[in-house]
Amino acid sequence: MIKAYLIDADGVALNSHEYFSERYARERGVSLDQLLPFFKHEFAACTLGKADLREVVSPYLRQWGWTSSVDDFLHYWFSGEGQLNEHVLSQINKVRVGGKFCYLVSNQEKYRSLYLMEELGLGEHFDGSFFSCDLGLKKSDPEFFITVLDRIGFDPEDVAYYDDEQENVDVAARLGIQAQRFTGQIDLL
């Protein structure tokens, strides 16, 4: 019997349409070749909590044609990243009223994690959250889920997990979690 749900942020709790790098390139006329090295290196370190996004992105902004502050850049970034998936959040609210637990799990850096929980209000819909920047592990690492299971105190077979990325679903499933790839519909009831 499912006692807890692990729900991915981008692509499940949030309707996501494209990566920020793609949106920025399209909207600002910057080549993806200029953007991708940052996301493969510095940003990857941020998602593991090993670097501070405000510090590491600052040197890139001029090259990317951004003329305002780092904080304005982060606001532009985060505010354009997905809309709340009201259907999924409604399902989460119903199962929580029924006594089950729901946790947000995501590969995120610390400023966007805070933005998701506080500014977008996802914190109101979940019993807690597990972000890669806090754990120092990504969802593609089995230790991510082992740590989450340890902290929530449930056996793998009592936990369901929804993610839009098959690699993460496969990792969780190998640990005995009832993992499913999210393809646009979810039925937690």
C-alpha atoms as a PDB file:
ATOM      1  CA  MET A   1       0.000   0.000   0.000  1.00  0.00           C
ATOM      2  CA  ILE A   2       1.345   3.408  -0.968  1.00  0.00           C
ATOM      3  CA  LYS A   3       2.095   5.579   2.048  1.00  0.00           C
ATOM      4  CA  ALA A   4       4.156   8.300   0.386  1.00  0.00           C
ATOM      5  CA  TYR A   5       4.593   9.885  -3.021  1.00  0.00           C
ATOM      6  CA  LEU A   6       7.736  11.389  -4.477  1.00  0.00           C
ATOM      7  CA  ILE A   7       6.904  13.938  -7.172  1.00  0.00           C
ATOM      8  CA  ASP A   8       9.382  15.513  -9.580  1.00  0.00           C
ATOM      9  CA  ALA A   9       9.234  19.300 -10.002  1.00  0.00           C
ATOM     10  CA  ASP A  10       9.933  20.219 -13.638  1.00  0.00           C
ATOM     11  CA  GLY A  11       7.700  18.259 -15.962  1.00  0.00           C
ATOM     12  CA  VAL A  12       5.371  16.894 -13.245  1.00  0.00           C
ATOM     13  CA  ALA A  13       4.455  19.399 -10.485  1.00  0.00           C
ATOM     14  CA  LEU A  14       5.302  22.098 -13.015  1.00  0.00           C
ATOM     15  CA  ASN A  15       4.359  22.110 -16.678  1.00  0.00           C
ATOM     16  CA  SER A  16       7.715  22.618 -18.351  1.00  0.00           C
ATOM     17  CA  HIS A  17       8.050  23.327 -22.029  1.00  0.00           C
ATOM     18  CA  GLU A  18      11.734  23.948 -22.637  1.00  0.00           C
ATOM     19  CA  TYR A  19      15.061  24.316 -20.887  1.00  0.00           C
ATOM     20  CA  PHE A  20      16.016  27.792 -19.754  1.00  0.00           C
ATOM     21  CA  SER A  21      19.050  27.778 -22.058  1.00  0.00           C
ATOM     22  CA  GLU A  22      16.766  27.149 -25.048  1.00  0.00           C
ATOM     23  CA  ARG A  23      14.322  29.860 -23.998  1.00  0.00           C
ATOM     24  CA  TYR A  24      17.109  32.366 -23.363  1.00  0.00           C
ATOM     25  CA  ALA A  25      18.738  31.628 -26.707  1.00  0.00           C
ATOM     26  CA  ARG A  26      15.412  32.052 -28.492  1.00  0.00           C
ATOM     27  CA  GLU A  27      14.251  35.168 -26.645  1.00  0.00           C
ATOM     28  CA  ARG A  28      17.596  36.961 -26.407  1.00  0.00           C
ATOM     29  CA  GLY A  29      19.220  35.907 -29.680  1.00  0.00           C
ATOM     30  CA  VAL A  30      22.172  34.170 -28.045  1.00  0.00           C
ATOM     31  CA  SER A  31      23.685  31.020 -29.488  1.00  0.00           C
ATOM     32  CA  LEU A  32      23.203  27.839 -27.486  1.00  0.00           C
ATOM     33  CA  ASP A  33      26.922  27.237 -28.036  1.00  0.00           C
ATOM     34  CA  GLN A  34      27.572  30.262 -25.816  1.00  0.00           C
ATOM     35  CA  LEU A  35      25.239  29.021 -23.083  1.00  0.00           C
ATOM     36  CA  LEU A  36      25.780  25.279 -22.860  1.00  0.00           C
ATOM     37  CA  PRO A  37      29.335  25.233 -21.429  1.00  0.00           C
ATOM     38  CA  PHE A  38      28.059  27.079 -18.344  1.00  0.00           C
ATOM     39  CA  PHE A  39      25.217  24.613 -17.844  1.00  0.00           C
ATOM     40  CA  LYS A  40      27.460  21.570 -18.293  1.00  0.00           C
ATOM     41  CA  HIS A  41      30.065  22.749 -15.809  1.00  0.00           C
ATOM     42  CA  GLU A  42      29.350  25.600 -13.381  1.00  0.00           C
ATOM     43  CA  PHE A  43      25.610  25.072 -13.195  1.00  0.00           C
ATOM     44  CA  ALA A  44      26.055  21.322 -12.705  1.00  0.00           C
ATOM     45  CA  ALA A  45      28.191  22.113  -9.643  1.00  0.00           C
ATOM     46  CA  CYS A  46      25.404  24.390  -8.347  1.00  0.00           C
ATOM     47  CA  THR A  47      22.850  21.576  -8.586  1.00  0.00           C
ATOM     48  CA  LEU A  48      25.074  19.510  -6.303  1.00  0.00           C
ATOM     49  CA  GLY A  49      25.521  22.345  -3.819  1.00  0.00           C
ATOM     50  CA  LYS A  50      29.202  22.733  -4.706  1.00  0.00           C
ATOM     51  CA  ALA A  51      28.959  26.256  -6.147  1.00  0.00           C
ATOM     52  CA  ASP A  52      26.803  29.350  -5.695  1.00  0.00           C
ATOM     53  CA  LEU A  53      24.767  30.271  -8.779  1.00  0.00           C
ATOM     54  CA  ARG A  54      24.901  34.016  -8.129  1.00  0.00           C
ATOM     55  CA  GLU A  55      28.682  33.886  -8.058  1.00  0.00           C
ATOM     56  CA  VAL A  56      29.337  31.567 -10.993  1.00  0.00           C
ATOM     57  CA  VAL A  57      26.816  33.043 -13.443  1.00  0.00           C
ATOM     58  CA  SER A  58      27.928  36.648 -12.980  1.00  0.00           C
ATOM     59  CA  PRO A  59      30.986  36.444 -15.294  1.00  0.00           C
ATOM     60  CA  TYR A  60      28.821  35.051 -18.116  1.00  0.00           C
ATOM     61  CA  LEU A  61      26.099  37.683 -18.155  1.00  0.00           C
ATOM     62  CA  ARG A  62      27.884  40.289 -20.258  1.00  0.00           C
ATOM     63  CA  GLN A  63      28.879  37.618 -22.808  1.00  0.00           C
ATOM     64  CA  TRP A  64      25.213  36.586 -22.979  1.00  0.00           C
ATOM     65  CA  GLY A  65      24.047  40.155 -23.555  1.00  0.00           C
ATOM     66  CA  TRP A  66      22.472  40.643 -20.127  1.00  0.00           C
ATOM     67  CA  THR A  67      22.906  44.236 -18.946  1.00  0.00           C
ATOM     68  CA  SER A  68      20.972  44.228 -15.668  1.00  0.00           C
ATOM     69  CA  SER A  69      21.834  42.710 -12.273  1.00  0.00           C
ATOM     70  CA  VAL A  70      22.395  39.077 -11.361  1.00  0.00           C
ATOM     71  CA  ASP A  71      19.223  39.151  -9.254  1.00  0.00           C
ATOM     72  CA  ASP A  72      17.229  40.479 -12.224  1.00  0.00           C
ATOM     73  CA  PHE A  73      18.685  37.669 -14.348  1.00  0.00           C
ATOM     74  CA  LEU A  74      17.678  35.021 -11.806  1.00  0.00           C
ATOM     75  CA  HIS A  75      14.188  36.482 -11.577  1.00  0.00           C
ATOM     76  CA  TYR A  76      13.885  36.402 -15.386  1.00  0.00           C
ATOM     77  CA  TRP A  77      15.111  32.801 -15.361  1.00  0.00           C
ATOM     78  CA  PHE A  78      12.967  31.432 -12.549  1.00  0.00           C
ATOM     79  CA  SER A  79       9.756  33.293 -13.339  1.00  0.00           C
ATOM     80  CA  GLY A  80       9.712  31.869 -16.868  1.00  0.00           C
ATOM     81  CA  GLU A  81      10.313  28.275 -15.829  1.00  0.00           C
ATOM     82  CA  GLY A  82       7.093  26.330 -15.961  1.00  0.00           C
ATOM     83  CA  GLN A  83       3.621  26.866 -14.644  1.00  0.00           C
ATOM     84  CA  LEU A  84       2.024  25.018 -11.762  1.00  0.00           C
ATOM     85  CA  ASN A  85       0.392  21.781 -12.895  1.00  0.00           C
ATOM     86  CA  GLU A  86      -2.945  22.334 -11.186  1.00  0.00           C
ATOM     87  CA  HIS A  87      -4.183  18.793 -11.902  1.00  0.00           C
ATOM     88  CA  VAL A  88      -1.155  17.197 -10.235  1.00  0.00           C
ATOM     89  CA  LEU A  89      -1.293  19.603  -7.283  1.00  0.00           C
ATOM     90  CA  SER A  90      -5.003  18.887  -6.829  1.00  0.00           C
ATOM     91  CA  GLN A  91      -4.265  15.151  -6.698  1.00  0.00           C
ATOM     92  CA  ILE A  92      -1.472  15.761  -4.170  1.00  0.00           C
ATOM     93  CA  ASN A  93      -3.741  17.840  -1.944  1.00  0.00           C
ATOM     94  CA  LYS A  94      -6.389  15.088  -1.961  1.00  0.00           C
ATOM     95  CA  VAL A  95      -4.031  12.258  -1.021  1.00  0.00           C
ATOM     96  CA  ARG A  96      -2.484  14.380   1.730  1.00  0.00           C
ATOM     97  CA  VAL A  97      -5.944  14.990   3.218  1.00  0.00           C
ATOM     98  CA  GLY A  98      -6.336  11.197   3.115  1.00  0.00           C
ATOM     99  CA  GLY A  99      -3.258  10.788   5.326  1.00  0.00           C
ATOM    100  CA  LYS A 100      -0.572  10.038   2.748  1.00  0.00           C
ATOM    101  CA  PHE A 101       2.656  11.973   2.444  1.00  0.00           C
ATOM    102  CA  CYS A 102       3.931  13.810  -0.627  1.00  0.00           C
ATOM    103  CA  TYR A 103       7.472  15.042  -1.175  1.00  0.00           C
ATOM    104  CA  LEU A 104       8.907  17.135  -3.960  1.00  0.00           C
ATOM    105  CA  VAL A 105      12.146  15.676  -5.371  1.00  0.00           C
ATOM    106  CA  SER A 106      14.218  17.555  -7.900  1.00  0.00           C
ATOM    107  CA  ASN A 107      17.643  18.261  -9.333  1.00  0.00           C
ATOM    108  CA  GLN A 108      17.880  21.956  -8.427  1.00  0.00           C
ATOM    109  CA  GLU A 109      20.282  24.602  -7.257  1.00  0.00           C
ATOM    110  CA  LYS A 110      19.534  26.439  -4.003  1.00  0.00           C
ATOM    111  CA  TYR A 111      18.027  29.711  -5.282  1.00  0.00           C
ATOM    112  CA  ARG A 112      15.543  28.056  -7.595  1.00  0.00           C
ATOM    113  CA  SER A 113      14.698  25.538  -4.876  1.00  0.00           C
ATOM    114  CA  LEU A 114      13.758  28.420  -2.615  1.00  0.00           C
ATOM    115  CA  TYR A 115      11.845  30.094  -5.441  1.00  0.00           C
ATOM    116  CA  LEU A 116       9.839  26.922  -6.126  1.00  0.00           C
ATOM    117  CA  MET A 117       8.912  26.351  -2.511  1.00  0.00           C
ATOM    118  CA  GLU A 118       8.224  29.933  -1.462  1.00  0.00           C
ATOM    119  CA  GLU A 119       7.528  32.153  -4.479  1.00  0.00           C
ATOM    120  CA  LEU A 120       5.587  29.582  -6.515  1.00  0.00           C
ATOM    121  CA  GLY A 121       4.063  28.146  -3.352  1.00  0.00           C
ATOM    122  CA  LEU A 122       4.939  24.494  -3.874  1.00  0.00           C
ATOM    123  CA  GLY A 123       5.820  24.274  -0.185  1.00  0.00           C
ATOM    124  CA  GLU A 124       2.100  24.516   0.598  1.00  0.00           C
ATOM    125  CA  HIS A 125       1.383  21.347  -1.378  1.00  0.00           C
ATOM    126  CA  PHE A 126       4.122  19.056  -0.056  1.00  0.00           C
ATOM    127  CA  ASP A 127       5.124  17.581   3.286  1.00  0.00           C
ATOM    128  CA  GLY A 128       8.747  18.283   2.444  1.00  0.00           C
ATOM    129  CA  SER A 129      11.280  18.461  -0.332  1.00  0.00           C
ATOM    130  CA  PHE A 130      14.520  16.809  -1.364  1.00  0.00           C
ATOM    131  CA  PHE A 131      16.748  18.778  -3.697  1.00  0.00           C
ATOM    132  CA  SER A 132      20.012  17.654  -5.244  1.00  0.00           C
ATOM    133  CA  CYS A 133      21.743  20.822  -4.010  1.00  0.00           C
ATOM    134  CA  ASP A 134      20.927  19.880  -0.398  1.00  0.00           C
ATOM    135  CA  LEU A 135      21.758  16.179  -0.700  1.00  0.00           C
ATOM    136  CA  GLY A 136      24.830  16.586  -2.920  1.00  0.00           C
ATOM    137  CA  LEU A 137      23.340  13.861  -5.115  1.00  0.00           C
ATOM    138  CA  LYS A 138      21.280  13.836  -8.314  1.00  0.00           C
ATOM    139  CA  LYS A 139      18.268  11.606  -8.949  1.00  0.00           C
ATOM    140  CA  SER A 140      20.313   9.577 -11.416  1.00  0.00           C
ATOM    141  CA  ASP A 141      22.332   8.330  -8.410  1.00  0.00           C
ATOM    142  CA  PRO A 142      20.685   5.531  -6.382  1.00  0.00           C
ATOM    143  CA  GLU A 143      22.067   7.157  -3.213  1.00  0.00           C
ATOM    144  CA  PHE A 144      19.662  10.051  -3.788  1.00  0.00           C
ATOM    145  CA  PHE A 145      16.668   7.746  -3.288  1.00  0.00           C
ATOM    146  CA  ILE A 146      18.326   5.717  -0.549  1.00  0.00           C
ATOM    147  CA  THR A 147      18.819   8.962   1.376  1.00  0.00           C
ATOM    148  CA  VAL A 148      15.234  10.079   0.747  1.00  0.00           C
ATOM    149  CA  LEU A 149      13.828   6.723   1.878  1.00  0.00           C
ATOM    150  CA  ASP A 150      15.944   6.854   5.018  1.00  0.00           C
ATOM    151  CA  ARG A 151      14.743  10.361   5.860  1.00  0.00           C
ATOM    152  CA  ILE A 152      11.033   9.730   5.241  1.00  0.00           C
ATOM    153  CA  GLY A 153      11.131   6.368   7.014  1.00  0.00           C
ATOM    154  CA  PHE A 154       9.192   4.280   4.498  1.00  0.00           C
ATOM    155  CA  ASP A 155      10.139   1.045   2.772  1.00  0.00           C
ATOM    156  CA  PRO A 156      10.633   1.312  -1.004  1.00  0.00           C
ATOM    157  CA  GLU A 157       7.521  -0.731  -1.811  1.00  0.00           C
ATOM    158  CA  ASP A 158       5.402   1.774   0.171  1.00  0.00           C
ATOM    159  CA  VAL A 159       6.565   4.691  -1.975  1.00  0.00           C
ATOM    160  CA  ALA A 160       5.409   5.767  -5.441  1.00  0.00           C
ATOM    161  CA  TYR A 161       7.515   8.065  -7.586  1.00  0.00           C
ATOM    162  CA  TYR A 162       6.589  10.105 -10.662  1.00  0.00           C
ATOM    163  CA  ASP A 163       9.166  11.691 -12.965  1.00  0.00           C
ATOM    164  CA  ASP A 164       9.164  12.679 -16.623  1.00  0.00           C
ATOM    165  CA  GLU A 165      12.731  11.414 -17.144  1.00  0.00           C
ATOM    166  CA  GLN A 166      13.011   7.667 -17.695  1.00  0.00           C
ATOM    167  CA  GLU A 167      16.568   7.450 -16.345  1.00  0.00           C
ATOM    168  CA  ASN A 168      15.409   8.650 -12.914  1.00  0.00           C
ATOM    169  CA  VAL A 169      12.391   6.337 -12.972  1.00  0.00           C
ATOM    170  CA  ASP A 170      14.664   3.368 -13.733  1.00  0.00           C
ATOM    171  CA  VAL A 171      17.029   4.215 -10.857  1.00  0.00           C
ATOM    172  CA  ALA A 172      14.171   4.414  -8.361  1.00  0.00           C
ATOM    173  CA  ALA A 173      12.502   1.252  -9.691  1.00  0.00           C
ATOM    174  CA  ARG A 174      15.710  -0.761  -9.241  1.00  0.00           C
ATOM    175  CA  LEU A 175      15.505   0.102  -5.534  1.00  0.00           C
ATOM    176  CA  GLY A 176      11.954  -1.265  -5.270  1.00  0.00           C
ATOM    177  CA  ILE A 177      10.140   2.067  -5.410  1.00  0.00           C
ATOM    178  CA  GLN A 178       6.933   1.983  -7.444  1.00  0.00           C
ATOM    179  CA  ALA A 179       8.283   4.378 -10.058  1.00  0.00           C
ATOM    180  CA  GLN A 180       6.370   5.554 -13.108  1.00  0.00           C
ATOM    181  CA  ARG A 181       7.245   7.850 -15.953  1.00  0.00           C
ATOM    182  CA  PHE A 182       4.925  10.830 -16.045  1.00  0.00           C
ATOM    183  CA  THR A 183       3.537  11.420 -19.518  1.00  0.00           C
ATOM    184  CA  GLY A 184       0.972  14.096 -18.780  1.00  0.00           C
ATOM    185  CA  GLN A 185      -1.574  12.354 -16.566  1.00  0.00           C
ATOM    186  CA  ILE A 186      -1.352  11.244 -12.975  1.00  0.00           C
ATOM    187  CA  ASP A 187      -3.884   9.452 -10.816  1.00  0.00           C
ATOM    188  CA  LEU A 188      -2.798   9.241  -7.201  1.00  0.00           C
ATOM    189  CA  LEU A 189      -6.250   8.367  -5.877  1.00  0.00           C
END
